[in-house]
Amino acid sequence: MDKIRYNVNGKSLLVRLAAVLMLLSAMFRVMGYWGFWKEQTECFGYMQILLPIVCNIAFAVMILYFGEKCFSLTLIPVLMGVAFFVVKATDMKVFPMLVCVIVSVLAGVIYLATVFGIVKTKWLLAAVIGVPLLYQLIIRDGATILAKENAMTMDEFIPELSILCILLSLLLVVFAMKKRKPEELEAVNGEIFGDEYIAEDAKDKNETENAALPEEKTETSLEEKQE
């Protein structure tokens, strides 16, 4: 099967904006619970505060510095993020909880399938991320953004800003993703694992052997003449 994987250029504007948004998400997460984590359970501190912050920072570093050669590594913080959203959904009512869990798991599966070439297009992933982003902007946070009635307090809205930054960052990364053909992937793997040096050694060895052949022929011909 002709698999196509994706990569991103860490120097592109979209990728840099995505990294900044991930770091802003971590900052909003800290601001939203600054001083309040002492009032929370230990599980909440690990799963709702520490886990998303680690995911934010890891994802930002990976897309900036490993996006071209090892973009598949971003799957690690993405799956950790899926775990965060699943745990976060347990505080909701039954129907919203089920929807959030299904969408989060589906996004993780499609991200994996897209990055490893099982899904041939990135636009399905864009839709899976874009729909929750629109829901967050229009339904959940719309009243607060427009300063209407039933708006959230600042303490409630700052963690929501963290979620918005995550979703928008992921969407920007999807837009920045570029297809990589299998032959390009093999070339990169060769550069990473040192295949190019093995090839150079083999080439030098062949050249040495070829250079030795004329000498052997000359010696043989001299012996024949002497006989």
Protein backbone atom coordinates (compact mmCIF):
# COMPACT_ATOMS: atom_id res chain seq x y z
CA MET A 1 0.00 0.00 0.00
CA ASP A 2 1.36 3.44 -0.95
CA LYS A 3 1.36 5.08 2.44
CA ILE A 4 1.70 8.83 2.74
CA ARG A 5 2.75 10.34 6.03
CA TYR A 6 2.73 13.97 7.05
CA ASN A 7 5.21 16.45 8.44
CA VAL A 8 5.28 20.13 9.36
CA ASN A 9 7.92 22.80 8.96
CA GLY A 10 8.82 24.28 12.35
CA LYS A 11 9.72 27.59 10.70
CA SER A 12 6.31 28.14 9.08
CA LEU A 13 4.02 30.82 10.47
CA LEU A 14 1.14 28.42 11.13
CA VAL A 15 3.33 26.06 13.14
CA ARG A 16 4.80 28.88 15.19
CA LEU A 17 1.34 30.25 15.93
CA ALA A 18 0.22 26.75 16.92
CA ALA A 19 3.16 26.44 19.32
CA VAL A 20 2.41 29.85 20.85
CA LEU A 21 -1.24 28.86 21.34
CA MET A 22 -0.19 25.65 23.10
CA LEU A 23 2.05 27.60 25.45
CA LEU A 24 -0.76 30.12 26.05
CA SER A 25 -3.03 27.19 26.88
CA ALA A 26 -0.56 26.04 29.55
CA MET A 27 -0.38 29.59 30.91
CA PHE A 28 -4.18 29.91 31.06
CA ARG A 29 -4.38 26.53 32.80
CA VAL A 30 -1.98 27.74 35.50
CA MET A 31 -3.78 31.10 35.82
CA GLY A 32 -7.18 29.45 36.04
CA TYR A 33 -6.20 27.27 38.96
CA TRP A 34 -3.54 29.45 40.56
CA GLY A 35 -3.85 28.93 44.29
CA PHE A 36 -6.93 26.73 43.85
CA TRP A 37 -5.12 23.45 43.27
CA LYS A 38 -4.63 23.10 47.03
CA GLU A 39 -8.40 22.85 47.34
CA GLN A 40 -8.61 20.11 44.69
CA THR A 41 -8.06 16.36 45.02
CA GLU A 42 -4.72 14.84 44.09
CA CYS A 43 -6.30 13.15 41.04
CA PHE A 44 -7.65 16.50 39.82
CA GLY A 45 -4.23 18.10 40.19
CA TYR A 46 -2.55 15.42 38.10
CA MET A 47 -5.23 14.87 35.44
CA GLN A 48 -6.73 18.35 35.02
CA ILE A 49 -3.77 20.62 35.71
CA LEU A 50 -0.42 18.85 35.33
CA LEU A 51 -1.36 16.50 32.43
CA PRO A 52 -2.65 19.20 30.03
CA ILE A 53 0.31 21.46 30.81
CA VAL A 54 2.76 18.66 29.98
CA CYS A 55 0.82 17.94 26.77
CA ASN A 56 0.88 21.61 25.76
CA ILE A 57 4.62 22.02 26.24
CA ALA A 58 5.52 18.65 24.67
CA PHE A 59 3.38 19.29 21.59
CA ALA A 60 4.80 22.80 21.10
CA VAL A 61 8.40 21.52 21.32
CA MET A 62 7.74 18.60 18.97
CA ILE A 63 6.14 20.60 16.17
CA LEU A 64 8.88 23.24 16.33
CA TYR A 65 11.93 20.99 16.46
CA PHE A 66 10.85 17.51 15.31
CA GLY A 67 8.02 18.32 12.92
CA GLU A 68 9.91 17.58 9.72
CA LYS A 69 11.63 14.31 10.63
CA CYS A 70 9.62 12.83 13.52
CA PHE A 71 6.17 14.38 13.31
CA SER A 72 4.66 11.05 14.41
CA LEU A 73 6.04 11.75 17.92
CA THR A 74 3.24 14.29 18.37
CA LEU A 75 0.94 11.31 18.77
CA ILE A 76 2.20 10.97 22.36
CA PRO A 77 0.94 14.36 23.66
CA VAL A 78 -2.19 14.05 21.52
CA LEU A 79 -3.17 10.73 23.13
CA MET A 80 -2.34 12.18 26.54
CA GLY A 81 -4.64 15.07 25.64
CA VAL A 82 -7.39 12.61 24.74
CA ALA A 83 -7.05 11.13 28.23
CA PHE A 84 -7.36 14.64 29.69
CA PHE A 85 -10.58 15.38 27.79
CA VAL A 86 -12.06 12.00 28.72
CA VAL A 87 -11.37 12.59 32.42
CA LYS A 88 -12.66 16.17 32.13
CA ALA A 89 -15.92 14.85 30.65
CA THR A 90 -16.70 12.89 33.82
CA ASP A 91 -17.81 16.14 35.48
CA MET A 92 -20.55 16.66 32.87
CA LYS A 93 -24.06 15.30 32.66
CA VAL A 94 -24.58 11.91 31.02
CA PHE A 95 -25.34 12.96 27.43
CA PRO A 96 -22.67 15.70 27.12
CA MET A 97 -20.21 13.35 28.81
CA LEU A 98 -20.84 10.60 26.24
CA VAL A 99 -20.53 13.05 23.35
CA CYS A 100 -17.28 14.49 24.71
CA VAL A 101 -15.77 11.03 25.27
CA ILE A 102 -16.76 9.79 21.81
CA VAL A 103 -15.48 12.91 20.05
CA SER A 104 -12.20 12.88 22.01
CA VAL A 105 -11.48 9.21 21.28
CA LEU A 106 -12.52 9.62 17.64
CA ALA A 107 -10.17 12.60 17.25
CA GLY A 108 -7.29 10.58 18.69
CA VAL A 109 -7.95 7.63 16.38
CA ILE A 110 -8.26 9.82 13.27
CA TYR A 111 -5.11 11.74 14.22
CA LEU A 112 -3.21 8.45 14.44
CA ALA A 113 -4.68 7.18 11.16
CA THR A 114 -3.87 10.46 9.37
CA VAL A 115 -0.30 10.80 10.60
CA PHE A 116 0.55 7.20 9.65
CA GLY A 117 -1.07 7.35 6.22
CA ILE A 118 -4.06 5.08 6.88
CA VAL A 119 -6.36 8.01 6.03
CA LYS A 120 -5.21 9.63 2.78
CA THR A 121 -6.55 13.12 3.53
CA LYS A 122 -6.03 15.51 6.40
CA TRP A 123 -9.40 17.24 5.98
CA LEU A 124 -11.28 14.59 7.93
CA LEU A 125 -9.04 15.40 10.89
CA ALA A 126 -9.68 19.10 10.32
CA ALA A 127 -13.44 18.48 10.56
CA VAL A 128 -13.12 16.39 13.72
CA ILE A 129 -11.17 19.21 15.41
CA GLY A 130 -13.10 22.09 13.83
CA VAL A 131 -16.58 20.96 14.95
CA PRO A 132 -15.69 20.90 18.70
CA LEU A 133 -13.95 24.24 18.27
CA LEU A 134 -17.10 25.79 16.77
CA TYR A 135 -19.20 24.22 19.54
CA GLN A 136 -16.86 25.69 22.15
CA LEU A 137 -16.93 29.15 20.54
CA ILE A 138 -20.65 29.37 19.75
CA ILE A 139 -22.52 27.22 22.26
CA ARG A 140 -20.36 26.93 25.36
CA ASP A 141 -18.42 30.22 25.40
CA GLY A 142 -20.50 32.36 23.05
CA ALA A 143 -22.35 34.24 25.79
CA THR A 144 -19.13 35.02 27.62
CA ILE A 145 -17.28 36.13 24.49
CA LEU A 146 -20.14 38.45 23.53
CA ALA A 147 -20.62 39.58 27.16
CA LYS A 148 -24.26 38.54 27.21
CA GLU A 149 -26.40 37.23 30.05
CA ASN A 150 -25.29 33.99 31.72
CA ALA A 151 -21.68 34.85 30.95
CA MET A 152 -19.04 33.02 32.91
CA THR A 153 -16.97 34.65 35.60
CA MET A 154 -13.30 35.29 34.87
CA ASP A 155 -12.27 32.34 37.05
CA GLU A 156 -14.55 30.04 35.04
CA PHE A 157 -13.60 31.45 31.63
CA ILE A 158 -9.81 31.28 31.90
CA PRO A 159 -9.75 27.44 31.83
CA GLU A 160 -12.12 27.63 28.84
CA LEU A 161 -9.58 29.83 27.07
CA SER A 162 -7.05 27.06 27.65
CA ILE A 163 -9.33 24.59 25.82
CA LEU A 164 -9.91 27.03 22.96
CA CYS A 165 -6.17 27.49 22.51
CA ILE A 166 -5.64 23.72 22.32
CA LEU A 167 -8.30 23.19 19.68
CA LEU A 168 -7.23 26.18 17.59
CA SER A 169 -3.57 25.09 17.80
CA LEU A 170 -4.42 21.58 16.60
CA LEU A 171 -6.45 23.00 13.72
CA LEU A 172 -3.55 25.22 12.63
CA VAL A 173 -1.22 22.22 12.69
CA VAL A 174 -3.62 20.29 10.45
CA PHE A 175 -3.58 23.18 7.97
CA ALA A 176 0.24 23.22 8.11
CA MET A 177 0.63 19.46 7.56
CA LYS A 178 2.24 18.50 4.24
CA LYS A 179 2.23 15.13 2.52
CA ARG A 180 5.42 13.13 2.44
CA LYS A 181 5.90 10.40 -0.16
CA PRO A 182 7.38 7.02 0.88
CA GLU A 183 10.66 7.69 -0.94
CA GLU A 184 11.09 10.94 0.98
CA LEU A 185 10.34 9.10 4.21
CA GLU A 186 13.02 6.50 3.44
CA ALA A 187 15.53 9.26 2.78
CA VAL A 188 14.77 10.88 6.12
CA ASN A 189 14.98 7.53 7.91
CA GLY A 190 18.35 6.95 6.29
CA GLU A 191 19.55 10.31 7.55
CA ILE A 192 18.28 9.57 11.07
CA PHE A 193 19.54 6.00 11.41
CA GLY A 194 22.82 6.46 9.57
CA ASP A 195 22.03 4.53 6.38
CA GLU A 196 23.83 7.20 4.38
CA TYR A 197 27.06 6.43 6.22
CA ILE A 198 26.61 2.71 5.60
CA ALA A 199 26.07 3.45 1.90
CA GLU A 200 29.22 5.61 1.80
CA ASP A 201 31.28 2.85 3.44
CA ALA A 202 29.96 0.33 0.91
CA LYS A 203 30.81 2.71 -1.92
CA ASP A 204 34.36 3.24 -0.64
CA LYS A 205 34.81 -0.51 -0.27
CA ASN A 206 33.69 -1.11 -3.86
CA GLU A 207 36.02 1.60 -5.14
CA THR A 208 38.93 0.03 -3.25
CA GLU A 209 38.18 -3.40 -4.67
CA ASN A 210 37.83 -2.03 -8.20
CA ALA A 211 41.11 -0.17 -7.87
CA ALA A 212 42.88 -3.38 -6.83
CA LEU A 213 41.66 -5.35 -9.87
CA PRO A 214 43.98 -3.76 -12.50
CA GLU A 215 47.04 -4.49 -10.31
CA GLU A 216 46.06 -8.13 -10.04
CA LYS A 217 45.57 -8.31 -13.82
CA THR A 218 49.00 -6.73 -14.42
CA GLU A 219 50.72 -9.20 -12.11
CA THR A 220 48.99 -12.11 -13.84
CA SER A 221 49.97 -10.92 -17.31
CA LEU A 222 53.64 -10.52 -16.24
CA GLU A 223 53.72 -14.05 -14.91
CA GLU A 224 52.30 -15.34 -18.21
CA LYS A 225 54.96 -13.50 -20.20
CA GLN A 226 57.74 -14.92 -18.04
CA GLU A 227 56.45 -18.43 -18.65
